[in-house]
Amino acid sequence: MKEEFLFNSAHAALVFAFNFSAQQYDRPLMNRLAAPAVGSGKGLGGLDGAAQAGFIRAEVRTLGKLAEAILIARIAPRYESCECRSACCSGKKPNKEWTNAVGVLADHVRNTALAGCTAHGLLRREYVVRYFSPKDQRVSLEALAERHDIHRDTASAHYGRVALLFGGSRKGRDTSLGLEDAARNAIDDRFREIGLIGDENQSS
């Protein structure tokens, strides 16, 4: 009989944990206890869901601040709901966890990928945001260059360094593991080790 795990993949576990609403804690206790399960009846709703999300986040933190920031930047939502009901409210606000993670990564590239380059903090953040954005949502390098009054080739060179640091290289025989793949592999191994997800080589 095939063993059933809470999550089908490390990515699914991270999506659940990073998206688990903090607003769950603000609801009355009876409502939380009665909350329906999330994830095909696997007990991921209410207090059980909160505990599981906290457990997953704790495992992510064991990887270190850099790897944690990478996983948050890639998977956590960029915005969360806002219920301030102000006239100017759009119904959402920046997710501080995500923006803080981007800040950590922007600071990291200052002394690594962009060491020796002239790139101020805001520009470094924009390079990081561009890397972790879906391709169809990325700000063009031309727009970045114009916004920060630098040459397009400079922006391209800077971004290429940042992308290489996080994404690695897959050109021909010249392959190298980027920081993102390293973080993903590390959390995948950890989740398999503790039995949160199954072994990909496990037979059915």
N, C-alpha and C. Protein backbone atom coordinates (compact mmCIF):
# COMPACT_ATOMS: atom_id res chain seq x y z
N MET A 1 0.85 -1.21 0.00
CA MET A 1 0.00 0.00 0.00
C MET A 1 0.87 1.25 0.00
N LYS A 2 0.55 2.16 -0.87
CA LYS A 2 1.36 3.37 -0.98
C LYS A 2 1.11 4.29 0.20
N GLU A 3 2.20 4.74 0.82
CA GLU A 3 2.08 5.63 1.97
C GLU A 3 1.64 7.01 1.52
N GLU A 4 0.71 7.59 2.30
CA GLU A 4 0.21 8.92 1.97
C GLU A 4 0.90 9.96 2.83
N PHE A 5 1.39 11.01 2.19
CA PHE A 5 2.07 12.09 2.89
C PHE A 5 1.20 13.34 2.87
N LEU A 6 1.49 14.24 3.79
CA LEU A 6 0.71 15.47 3.88
C LEU A 6 0.81 16.29 2.60
N PHE A 7 2.00 16.29 1.99
CA PHE A 7 2.22 17.10 0.80
C PHE A 7 2.88 16.27 -0.29
N ASN A 8 2.57 16.61 -1.53
CA ASN A 8 3.13 15.89 -2.66
C ASN A 8 4.55 16.33 -3.01
N SER A 9 4.92 17.52 -2.56
CA SER A 9 6.24 18.06 -2.88
C SER A 9 6.63 19.11 -1.86
N ALA A 10 7.92 19.44 -1.84
CA ALA A 10 8.39 20.49 -0.95
C ALA A 10 7.76 21.82 -1.34
N HIS A 11 7.60 22.03 -2.64
CA HIS A 11 7.00 23.28 -3.11
C HIS A 11 5.58 23.43 -2.56
N ALA A 12 4.80 22.35 -2.60
CA ALA A 12 3.43 22.41 -2.10
C ALA A 12 3.40 22.73 -0.61
N ALA A 13 4.34 22.15 0.13
CA ALA A 13 4.41 22.41 1.57
C ALA A 13 4.75 23.87 1.84
N LEU A 14 5.67 24.42 1.07
CA LEU A 14 6.07 25.81 1.26
C LEU A 14 4.94 26.77 0.87
N VAL A 15 4.26 26.47 -0.21
CA VAL A 15 3.13 27.30 -0.63
C VAL A 15 2.09 27.34 0.48
N PHE A 16 1.81 26.18 1.08
CA PHE A 16 0.83 26.13 2.17
C PHE A 16 1.29 26.98 3.34
N ALA A 17 2.53 26.79 3.78
CA ALA A 17 3.03 27.48 4.97
C ALA A 17 3.11 28.98 4.77
N PHE A 18 3.61 29.41 3.62
CA PHE A 18 3.78 30.85 3.39
C PHE A 18 2.46 31.56 3.11
N ASN A 19 1.43 30.80 2.74
CA ASN A 19 0.14 31.41 2.44
C ASN A 19 -0.88 31.24 3.56
N PHE A 20 -0.50 30.49 4.58
CA PHE A 20 -1.46 30.27 5.68
C PHE A 20 -1.77 31.60 6.33
N SER A 21 -3.01 31.96 6.35
CA SER A 21 -3.41 33.30 6.79
C SER A 21 -3.19 33.52 8.28
N ALA A 22 -2.46 34.58 8.59
CA ALA A 22 -2.26 34.96 9.98
C ALA A 22 -3.57 35.40 10.60
N GLN A 23 -4.53 35.75 9.74
CA GLN A 23 -5.82 36.19 10.26
C GLN A 23 -6.59 35.06 10.92
N GLN A 24 -6.15 33.82 10.69
CA GLN A 24 -6.80 32.69 11.34
C GLN A 24 -6.75 32.86 12.85
N TYR A 25 -5.65 33.44 13.35
CA TYR A 25 -5.49 33.57 14.79
C TYR A 25 -6.43 34.62 15.39
N ASP A 26 -6.98 35.49 14.56
CA ASP A 26 -7.82 36.56 15.06
C ASP A 26 -9.28 36.14 15.19
N ARG A 27 -9.60 34.98 14.67
CA ARG A 27 -10.99 34.55 14.72
C ARG A 27 -11.31 33.91 16.07
N PRO A 28 -12.60 33.87 16.45
CA PRO A 28 -12.98 33.21 17.70
C PRO A 28 -12.52 31.76 17.72
N LEU A 29 -12.21 31.26 18.91
CA LEU A 29 -11.69 29.90 19.05
C LEU A 29 -12.62 28.87 18.42
N MET A 30 -13.92 28.97 18.64
CA MET A 30 -14.85 27.99 18.10
C MET A 30 -14.81 27.98 16.57
N ASN A 31 -14.66 29.15 15.97
CA ASN A 31 -14.57 29.21 14.51
C ASN A 31 -13.31 28.53 14.01
N ARG A 32 -12.21 28.72 14.74
CA ARG A 32 -10.95 28.11 14.32
C ARG A 32 -11.03 26.59 14.43
N LEU A 33 -11.63 26.13 15.50
CA LEU A 33 -11.74 24.68 15.70
C LEU A 33 -12.64 24.04 14.65
N ALA A 34 -13.62 24.81 14.19
CA ALA A 34 -14.57 24.28 13.21
C ALA A 34 -14.14 24.51 11.78
N ALA A 35 -12.98 25.14 11.60
CA ALA A 35 -12.52 25.47 10.24
C ALA A 35 -12.34 24.21 9.42
N PRO A 36 -12.77 24.21 8.16
CA PRO A 36 -12.60 23.04 7.31
C PRO A 36 -11.14 22.79 6.99
N ALA A 37 -10.80 21.55 6.77
CA ALA A 37 -9.42 21.19 6.46
C ALA A 37 -9.07 21.65 5.06
N VAL A 38 -7.80 21.94 4.86
CA VAL A 38 -7.29 22.34 3.56
C VAL A 38 -6.43 21.22 3.02
N GLY A 39 -6.55 20.90 1.76
CA GLY A 39 -5.66 19.90 1.19
C GLY A 39 -6.21 18.50 1.22
N SER A 40 -7.37 18.29 0.62
CA SER A 40 -7.94 16.95 0.44
C SER A 40 -8.12 16.21 1.75
N GLY A 41 -8.62 16.89 2.77
CA GLY A 41 -8.94 16.22 4.01
C GLY A 41 -7.75 15.73 4.79
N LYS A 42 -6.62 16.35 4.64
CA LYS A 42 -5.41 15.91 5.33
C LYS A 42 -5.18 16.65 6.64
N GLY A 43 -6.21 17.31 7.16
CA GLY A 43 -6.09 17.96 8.45
C GLY A 43 -5.23 19.20 8.45
N LEU A 44 -5.38 20.04 7.44
CA LEU A 44 -4.54 21.23 7.35
C LEU A 44 -5.34 22.51 7.53
N GLY A 45 -6.43 22.44 8.25
CA GLY A 45 -7.22 23.63 8.52
C GLY A 45 -7.22 23.96 10.00
N GLY A 46 -7.71 25.15 10.35
CA GLY A 46 -7.83 25.54 11.74
C GLY A 46 -6.53 25.50 12.50
N LEU A 47 -6.60 25.03 13.75
CA LEU A 47 -5.41 24.99 14.60
C LEU A 47 -4.38 24.00 14.08
N ASP A 48 -4.84 22.89 13.50
CA ASP A 48 -3.90 21.93 12.92
C ASP A 48 -3.11 22.56 11.79
N GLY A 49 -3.78 23.35 10.99
CA GLY A 49 -3.10 24.03 9.89
C GLY A 49 -2.08 25.03 10.39
N ALA A 50 -2.45 25.77 11.44
CA ALA A 50 -1.53 26.75 12.01
C ALA A 50 -0.28 26.06 12.55
N ALA A 51 -0.48 24.94 13.22
CA ALA A 51 0.66 24.20 13.78
C ALA A 51 1.55 23.66 12.67
N GLN A 52 0.93 23.13 11.62
CA GLN A 52 1.71 22.57 10.51
C GLN A 52 2.48 23.65 9.78
N ALA A 53 1.84 24.80 9.57
CA ALA A 53 2.53 25.92 8.92
C ALA A 53 3.72 26.38 9.75
N GLY A 54 3.53 26.45 11.06
CA GLY A 54 4.62 26.85 11.95
C GLY A 54 5.76 25.84 11.93
N PHE A 55 5.42 24.57 11.86
CA PHE A 55 6.43 23.52 11.81
C PHE A 55 7.26 23.62 10.53
N ILE A 56 6.59 23.83 9.41
CA ILE A 56 7.28 23.96 8.13
C ILE A 56 8.20 25.17 8.14
N ARG A 57 7.70 26.28 8.64
CA ARG A 57 8.51 27.50 8.71
C ARG A 57 9.74 27.30 9.59
N ALA A 58 9.58 26.56 10.67
CA ALA A 58 10.71 26.30 11.56
C ALA A 58 11.79 25.50 10.84
N GLU A 59 11.37 24.55 10.01
CA GLU A 59 12.34 23.76 9.25
C GLU A 59 13.06 24.64 8.22
N VAL A 60 12.33 25.55 7.62
CA VAL A 60 12.95 26.47 6.66
C VAL A 60 14.02 27.32 7.35
N ARG A 61 13.73 27.77 8.55
CA ARG A 61 14.68 28.62 9.28
C ARG A 61 15.98 27.89 9.60
N THR A 62 15.93 26.57 9.72
CA THR A 62 17.16 25.82 10.01
C THR A 62 18.15 25.89 8.86
N LEU A 63 17.70 26.26 7.68
CA LEU A 63 18.60 26.35 6.52
C LEU A 63 19.47 27.60 6.56
N GLY A 64 19.12 28.55 7.42
CA GLY A 64 19.87 29.80 7.48
C GLY A 64 19.11 30.94 6.85
N LYS A 65 19.50 32.14 7.20
CA LYS A 65 18.78 33.35 6.78
C LYS A 65 18.76 33.52 5.27
N LEU A 66 19.86 33.21 4.59
CA LEU A 66 19.92 33.42 3.15
C LEU A 66 18.98 32.48 2.41
N ALA A 67 19.05 31.19 2.72
CA ALA A 67 18.18 30.22 2.05
C ALA A 67 16.72 30.50 2.37
N GLU A 68 16.43 30.88 3.61
CA GLU A 68 15.06 31.22 3.98
C GLU A 68 14.55 32.39 3.15
N ALA A 69 15.38 33.41 2.99
CA ALA A 69 14.98 34.59 2.21
C ALA A 69 14.73 34.22 0.75
N ILE A 70 15.53 33.33 0.20
CA ILE A 70 15.36 32.91 -1.19
C ILE A 70 14.02 32.20 -1.37
N LEU A 71 13.69 31.29 -0.47
CA LEU A 71 12.43 30.55 -0.58
C LEU A 71 11.23 31.47 -0.38
N ILE A 72 11.34 32.42 0.53
CA ILE A 72 10.26 33.37 0.74
C ILE A 72 10.07 34.25 -0.50
N ALA A 73 11.18 34.74 -1.05
CA ALA A 73 11.10 35.61 -2.23
C ALA A 73 10.47 34.90 -3.42
N ARG A 74 10.71 33.61 -3.54
CA ARG A 74 10.18 32.85 -4.67
C ARG A 74 8.73 32.42 -4.45
N ILE A 75 8.36 32.08 -3.23
CA ILE A 75 7.08 31.41 -3.01
C ILE A 75 6.05 32.22 -2.23
N ALA A 76 6.48 33.01 -1.27
CA ALA A 76 5.51 33.74 -0.44
C ALA A 76 4.75 34.78 -1.26
N PRO A 77 3.52 35.07 -0.89
CA PRO A 77 2.76 36.11 -1.61
C PRO A 77 3.37 37.48 -1.38
N ARG A 78 3.33 38.31 -2.40
CA ARG A 78 3.90 39.66 -2.28
C ARG A 78 2.96 40.62 -1.57
N TYR A 79 1.69 40.27 -1.58
CA TYR A 79 0.70 41.14 -0.94
C TYR A 79 -0.19 40.31 -0.03
N GLU A 80 -0.77 40.97 0.96
CA GLU A 80 -1.74 40.34 1.82
C GLU A 80 -2.96 41.25 1.92
N SER A 81 -4.06 40.69 2.33
CA SER A 81 -5.29 41.47 2.37
C SER A 81 -5.21 42.57 3.42
N CYS A 82 -5.84 43.68 3.11
CA CYS A 82 -5.89 44.82 4.04
C CYS A 82 -7.36 45.17 4.27
N GLU A 83 -7.74 45.27 5.52
CA GLU A 83 -9.13 45.57 5.86
C GLU A 83 -9.24 46.87 6.64
N CYS A 84 -8.36 47.82 6.34
CA CYS A 84 -8.40 49.10 7.05
C CYS A 84 -9.63 49.92 6.65
N ARG A 85 -10.17 49.62 5.47
CA ARG A 85 -11.39 50.26 4.97
C ARG A 85 -11.24 51.77 4.74
N SER A 86 -10.01 52.20 4.58
CA SER A 86 -9.79 53.60 4.24
C SER A 86 -10.26 53.85 2.81
N ALA A 87 -10.59 55.09 2.53
CA ALA A 87 -11.09 55.42 1.20
C ALA A 87 -10.07 55.10 0.11
N CYS A 88 -8.79 55.21 0.47
CA CYS A 88 -7.74 54.98 -0.52
C CYS A 88 -7.26 53.53 -0.54
N CYS A 89 -7.87 52.67 0.26
CA CYS A 89 -7.40 51.28 0.37
C CYS A 89 -7.78 50.47 -0.86
N SER A 90 -6.81 49.73 -1.38
CA SER A 90 -7.05 48.89 -2.56
C SER A 90 -7.45 47.47 -2.16
N GLY A 91 -7.47 47.22 -0.84
CA GLY A 91 -7.83 45.89 -0.37
C GLY A 91 -6.64 44.98 -0.17
N LYS A 92 -5.46 45.49 -0.45
CA LYS A 92 -4.26 44.70 -0.22
C LYS A 92 -3.10 45.59 0.19
N LYS A 93 -2.11 45.01 0.82
CA LYS A 93 -0.94 45.74 1.26
C LYS A 93 0.28 44.85 1.09
N PRO A 94 1.48 45.44 0.99
CA PRO A 94 2.69 44.62 0.81
C PRO A 94 2.86 43.64 1.97
N ASN A 95 3.28 42.44 1.64
CA ASN A 95 3.59 41.43 2.64
C ASN A 95 4.98 41.73 3.20
N LYS A 96 5.06 42.13 4.46
CA LYS A 96 6.34 42.52 5.05
C LYS A 96 7.36 41.39 5.01
N GLU A 97 6.89 40.17 5.14
CA GLU A 97 7.80 39.03 5.10
C GLU A 97 8.51 38.97 3.75
N TRP A 98 7.76 39.20 2.69
CA TRP A 98 8.35 39.15 1.36
C TRP A 98 9.30 40.32 1.13
N THR A 99 8.88 41.52 1.50
CA THR A 99 9.74 42.70 1.28
C THR A 99 11.01 42.61 2.12
N ASN A 100 10.90 42.06 3.32
CA ASN A 100 12.10 41.89 4.16
C ASN A 100 13.06 40.88 3.54
N ALA A 101 12.51 39.82 2.95
CA ALA A 101 13.35 38.81 2.31
C ALA A 101 14.11 39.42 1.13
N VAL A 102 13.43 40.23 0.35
CA VAL A 102 14.08 40.91 -0.77
C VAL A 102 15.20 41.80 -0.27
N GLY A 103 14.98 42.47 0.86
CA GLY A 103 16.02 43.31 1.45
C GLY A 103 17.25 42.52 1.84
N VAL A 104 17.04 41.34 2.41
CA VAL A 104 18.16 40.47 2.79
C VAL A 104 18.96 40.08 1.55
N LEU A 105 18.26 39.72 0.48
CA LEU A 105 18.93 39.29 -0.74
C LEU A 105 19.63 40.44 -1.45
N ALA A 106 19.02 41.62 -1.42
CA ALA A 106 19.65 42.79 -2.03
C ALA A 106 20.94 43.14 -1.30
N ASP A 107 20.94 42.98 0.00
CA ASP A 107 22.16 43.24 0.77
C ASP A 107 23.22 42.18 0.48
N HIS A 108 22.77 40.94 0.25
CA HIS A 108 23.72 39.86 -0.04
C HIS A 108 24.42 40.09 -1.38
N VAL A 109 23.70 40.52 -2.39
CA VAL A 109 24.32 40.70 -3.70
C VAL A 109 25.31 41.87 -3.69
N ARG A 110 25.15 42.77 -2.74
CA ARG A 110 26.07 43.92 -2.66
C ARG A 110 27.50 43.44 -2.48
N ASN A 111 27.70 42.39 -1.69
CA ASN A 111 29.05 41.89 -1.42
C ASN A 111 29.41 40.64 -2.20
N THR A 112 28.53 40.23 -3.11
CA THR A 112 28.80 39.02 -3.89
C THR A 112 28.71 39.33 -5.39
N ALA A 113 27.53 39.17 -5.96
CA ALA A 113 27.37 39.36 -7.40
C ALA A 113 27.74 40.76 -7.87
N LEU A 114 27.44 41.77 -7.05
CA LEU A 114 27.69 43.15 -7.46
C LEU A 114 28.84 43.79 -6.70
N ALA A 115 29.70 42.98 -6.12
CA ALA A 115 30.87 43.52 -5.44
C ALA A 115 31.73 44.29 -6.44
N GLY A 116 32.11 45.51 -6.10
CA GLY A 116 32.92 46.33 -6.99
C GLY A 116 32.12 47.11 -8.01
N CYS A 117 30.79 46.88 -8.04
CA CYS A 117 29.93 47.61 -8.98
C CYS A 117 29.26 48.78 -8.27
N THR A 118 28.94 49.79 -9.04
CA THR A 118 28.21 50.93 -8.49
C THR A 118 26.72 50.68 -8.67
N ALA A 119 26.09 50.24 -7.59
CA ALA A 119 24.65 49.96 -7.62
C ALA A 119 24.09 50.24 -6.24
N HIS A 120 23.27 51.27 -6.12
CA HIS A 120 22.73 51.64 -4.82
C HIS A 120 21.65 50.64 -4.38
N GLY A 121 21.22 50.80 -3.14
CA GLY A 121 20.31 49.83 -2.54
C GLY A 121 19.02 49.61 -3.30
N LEU A 122 18.38 50.67 -3.75
CA LEU A 122 17.11 50.53 -4.47
C LEU A 122 17.29 49.78 -5.78
N LEU A 123 18.39 50.04 -6.47
CA LEU A 123 18.65 49.35 -7.73
C LEU A 123 18.92 47.87 -7.48
N ARG A 124 19.66 47.57 -6.41
CA ARG A 124 19.91 46.16 -6.08
C ARG A 124 18.59 45.44 -5.79
N ARG A 125 17.71 46.10 -5.07
CA ARG A 125 16.40 45.50 -4.78
C ARG A 125 15.63 45.23 -6.08
N GLU A 126 15.72 46.15 -7.02
CA GLU A 126 14.99 45.97 -8.28
C GLU A 126 15.53 44.78 -9.07
N TYR A 127 16.84 44.57 -9.03
CA TYR A 127 17.41 43.40 -9.70
C TYR A 127 16.89 42.12 -9.06
N VAL A 128 16.85 42.11 -7.72
CA VAL A 128 16.38 40.92 -7.01
C VAL A 128 14.90 40.67 -7.31
N VAL A 129 14.10 41.72 -7.25
CA VAL A 129 12.67 41.59 -7.55
C VAL A 129 12.46 41.08 -8.97
N ARG A 130 13.24 41.58 -9.91
CA ARG A 130 13.11 41.14 -11.30
C ARG A 130 13.40 39.65 -11.43
N TYR A 131 14.45 39.19 -10.75
CA TYR A 131 14.80 37.78 -10.84
C TYR A 131 13.68 36.89 -10.30
N PHE A 132 13.08 37.28 -9.19
CA PHE A 132 12.06 36.45 -8.56
C PHE A 132 10.65 36.71 -9.08
N SER A 133 10.52 37.52 -10.11
CA SER A 133 9.21 37.79 -10.71
C SER A 133 8.95 36.84 -11.87
N PRO A 134 7.68 36.46 -12.10
CA PRO A 134 7.35 35.67 -13.29
C PRO A 134 7.81 36.43 -14.53
N LYS A 135 8.23 35.72 -15.54
CA LYS A 135 8.81 36.36 -16.72
C LYS A 135 7.87 37.38 -17.35
N ASP A 136 6.57 37.10 -17.33
CA ASP A 136 5.64 38.03 -17.97
C ASP A 136 5.33 39.25 -17.10
N GLN A 137 5.92 39.30 -15.90
CA GLN A 137 5.69 40.43 -15.01
C GLN A 137 6.97 41.22 -14.72
N ARG A 138 8.05 40.84 -15.35
CA ARG A 138 9.33 41.49 -15.08
C ARG A 138 9.41 42.87 -15.73
N VAL A 139 9.95 43.81 -14.98
CA VAL A 139 10.23 45.12 -15.53
C VAL A 139 11.38 44.98 -16.52
N SER A 140 11.28 45.60 -17.67
CA SER A 140 12.35 45.48 -18.67
C SER A 140 13.63 46.14 -18.18
N LEU A 141 14.74 45.67 -18.69
CA LEU A 141 16.03 46.27 -18.34
C LEU A 141 16.10 47.71 -18.84
N GLU A 142 15.46 47.97 -19.96
CA GLU A 142 15.43 49.34 -20.47
C GLU A 142 14.73 50.27 -19.48
N ALA A 143 13.61 49.80 -18.93
CA ALA A 143 12.86 50.61 -17.97
C ALA A 143 13.66 50.82 -16.69
N LEU A 144 14.36 49.76 -16.25
CA LEU A 144 15.19 49.89 -15.05
C LEU A 144 16.31 50.89 -15.27
N ALA A 145 16.94 50.80 -16.43
CA ALA A 145 18.05 51.71 -16.73
C ALA A 145 17.57 53.15 -16.77
N GLU A 146 16.43 53.38 -17.40
CA GLU A 146 15.90 54.74 -17.48
C GLU A 146 15.50 55.26 -16.10
N ARG A 147 14.89 54.39 -15.31
CA ARG A 147 14.43 54.79 -13.98
C ARG A 147 15.57 55.22 -13.08
N HIS A 148 16.72 54.55 -13.23
CA HIS A 148 17.86 54.83 -12.35
C HIS A 148 18.99 55.59 -13.04
N ASP A 149 18.69 56.07 -14.25
CA ASP A 149 19.64 56.91 -14.99
C ASP A 149 20.99 56.23 -15.19
N ILE A 150 20.95 54.99 -15.66
CA ILE A 150 22.17 54.27 -16.00
C ILE A 150 22.01 53.72 -17.42
N HIS A 151 23.12 53.29 -18.02
CA HIS A 151 23.07 52.76 -19.38
C HIS A 151 22.40 51.39 -19.36
N ARG A 152 21.70 51.08 -20.43
CA ARG A 152 21.02 49.80 -20.52
C ARG A 152 22.01 48.64 -20.40
N ASP A 153 23.18 48.77 -21.00
CA ASP A 153 24.19 47.71 -20.93
C ASP A 153 24.67 47.49 -19.50
N THR A 154 24.74 48.57 -18.73
CA THR A 154 25.14 48.44 -17.32
C THR A 154 24.08 47.66 -16.55
N ALA A 155 22.82 48.01 -16.77
CA ALA A 155 21.73 47.30 -16.10
C ALA A 155 21.74 45.82 -16.48
N SER A 156 21.99 45.55 -17.76
CA SER A 156 22.03 44.17 -18.24
C SER A 156 23.17 43.39 -17.60
N ALA A 157 24.34 44.02 -17.50
CA ALA A 157 25.49 43.36 -16.90
C ALA A 157 25.25 43.08 -15.42
N HIS A 158 24.71 44.08 -14.73
CA HIS A 158 24.39 43.90 -13.31
C HIS A 158 23.40 42.76 -13.10
N TYR A 159 22.32 42.80 -13.87
CA TYR A 159 21.28 41.79 -13.71
C TYR A 159 21.80 40.39 -14.05
N GLY A 160 22.66 40.32 -15.06
CA GLY A 160 23.24 39.03 -15.43
C GLY A 160 24.01 38.41 -14.28
N ARG A 161 24.71 39.24 -13.53
CA ARG A 161 25.46 38.75 -12.37
C ARG A 161 24.51 38.25 -11.28
N VAL A 162 23.45 39.01 -11.05
CA VAL A 162 22.48 38.62 -10.02
C VAL A 162 21.78 37.32 -10.41
N ALA A 163 21.38 37.21 -11.67
CA ALA A 163 20.70 36.01 -12.15
C ALA A 163 21.62 34.80 -12.08
N LEU A 164 22.89 34.98 -12.36
CA LEU A 164 23.85 33.89 -12.28
C LEU A 164 24.03 33.43 -10.83
N LEU A 165 24.06 34.38 -9.91
CA LEU A 165 24.22 34.04 -8.50
C LEU A 165 23.06 33.18 -8.00
N PHE A 166 21.85 33.61 -8.31
CA PHE A 166 20.68 32.89 -7.81
C PHE A 166 20.27 31.71 -8.68
N GLY A 167 20.39 31.87 -10.00
CA GLY A 167 19.91 30.85 -10.91
C GLY A 167 20.95 29.87 -11.41
N GLY A 168 22.23 30.19 -11.24
CA GLY A 168 23.27 29.31 -11.73
C GLY A 168 23.41 29.39 -13.24
N SER A 169 24.21 28.50 -13.79
CA SER A 169 24.45 28.47 -15.23
C SER A 169 24.12 27.09 -15.78
N ARG A 170 23.43 27.07 -16.92
CA ARG A 170 23.07 25.79 -17.54
C ARG A 170 23.47 25.77 -19.02
N LYS A 171 24.53 26.48 -19.34
CA LYS A 171 24.98 26.57 -20.72
C LYS A 171 26.01 25.49 -21.03
N GLY A 172 25.59 24.52 -21.82
CA GLY A 172 26.50 23.46 -22.24
C GLY A 172 27.10 22.72 -21.06
N ARG A 173 28.40 22.55 -21.11
CA ARG A 173 29.09 21.85 -20.03
C ARG A 173 29.40 22.76 -18.86
N ASP A 174 29.27 24.06 -19.10
CA ASP A 174 29.57 25.03 -18.05
C ASP A 174 28.34 25.24 -17.17
N THR A 175 28.07 24.26 -16.31
CA THR A 175 26.91 24.35 -15.43
C THR A 175 27.35 24.58 -13.99
N SER A 176 26.58 25.38 -13.30
CA SER A 176 26.86 25.63 -11.88
C SER A 176 25.53 25.79 -11.16
N LEU A 177 25.50 25.33 -9.93
CA LEU A 177 24.28 25.38 -9.14
C LEU A 177 24.10 26.77 -8.54
N GLY A 178 22.95 27.37 -8.76
CA GLY A 178 22.67 28.67 -8.18
C GLY A 178 22.19 28.55 -6.75
N LEU A 179 22.13 29.67 -6.06
CA LEU A 179 21.69 29.67 -4.67
C LEU A 179 20.24 29.22 -4.52
N GLU A 180 19.41 29.52 -5.51
CA GLU A 180 18.01 29.09 -5.40
C GLU A 180 17.88 27.58 -5.47
N ASP A 181 18.54 26.96 -6.42
CA ASP A 181 18.49 25.50 -6.51
C ASP A 181 19.08 24.86 -5.26
N ALA A 182 20.13 25.45 -4.72
CA ALA A 182 20.74 24.91 -3.51
C ALA A 182 19.75 24.96 -2.35
N ALA A 183 19.01 26.07 -2.24
CA ALA A 183 18.02 26.20 -1.17
C ALA A 183 16.87 25.22 -1.37
N ARG A 184 16.42 25.08 -2.61
CA ARG A 184 15.33 24.15 -2.90
C ARG A 184 15.75 22.71 -2.62
N ASN A 185 16.95 22.35 -3.02
CA ASN A 185 17.43 21.00 -2.77
C ASN A 185 17.56 20.72 -1.28
N ALA A 186 18.02 21.72 -0.54
CA ALA A 186 18.21 21.55 0.90
C ALA A 186 16.89 21.33 1.62
N ILE A 187 15.87 22.12 1.29
CA ILE A 187 14.59 21.97 1.97
C ILE A 187 13.88 20.70 1.50
N ASP A 188 14.09 20.32 0.25
CA ASP A 188 13.51 19.08 -0.25
C ASP A 188 14.09 17.88 0.51
N ASP A 189 15.40 17.88 0.68
CA ASP A 189 16.05 16.79 1.42
C ASP A 189 15.57 16.76 2.87
N ARG A 190 15.43 17.94 3.46
CA ARG A 190 15.00 18.02 4.86
C ARG A 190 13.57 17.50 5.03
N PHE A 191 12.68 17.88 4.13
CA PHE A 191 11.29 17.42 4.23
C PHE A 191 11.18 15.92 4.03
N ARG A 192 12.01 15.36 3.16
CA ARG A 192 11.99 13.91 2.97
C ARG A 192 12.55 13.21 4.21
N GLU A 193 13.56 13.80 4.79
CA GLU A 193 14.19 13.22 5.97
C GLU A 193 13.21 13.11 7.14
N ILE A 194 12.36 14.11 7.31
CA ILE A 194 11.42 14.11 8.43
C ILE A 194 10.07 13.50 8.06
N GLY A 195 9.94 13.02 6.83
CA GLY A 195 8.73 12.33 6.42
C GLY A 195 7.56 13.22 6.06
N LEU A 196 7.83 14.48 5.75
CA LEU A 196 6.75 15.40 5.37
C LEU A 196 6.30 15.15 3.94
N ILE A 197 7.24 14.77 3.09
CA ILE A 197 6.93 14.40 1.70
C ILE A 197 7.59 13.06 1.43
N GLY A 198 7.15 12.39 0.38
CA GLY A 198 7.69 11.08 0.08
C GLY A 198 9.00 11.11 -0.68
N ASP A 199 9.67 9.98 -0.69
CA ASP A 199 10.91 9.84 -1.45
C ASP A 199 10.54 9.70 -2.91
N GLU A 200 11.13 10.55 -3.76
CA GLU A 200 10.78 10.53 -5.19
C GLU A 200 11.12 9.20 -5.84
N ASN A 201 11.99 8.42 -5.22
CA ASN A 201 12.36 7.13 -5.78
C ASN A 201 11.57 5.98 -5.16
N GLN A 202 10.64 6.34 -4.25
CA GLN A 202 9.87 5.32 -3.57
C GLN A 202 8.89 4.67 -4.53
N SER A 203 8.86 3.39 -4.54
CA SER A 203 7.96 2.68 -5.44
C SER A 203 6.55 2.67 -4.88
N SER A 204 5.58 2.57 -5.77
CA SER A 204 4.19 2.54 -5.35
C SER A 204 3.75 1.11 -5.12
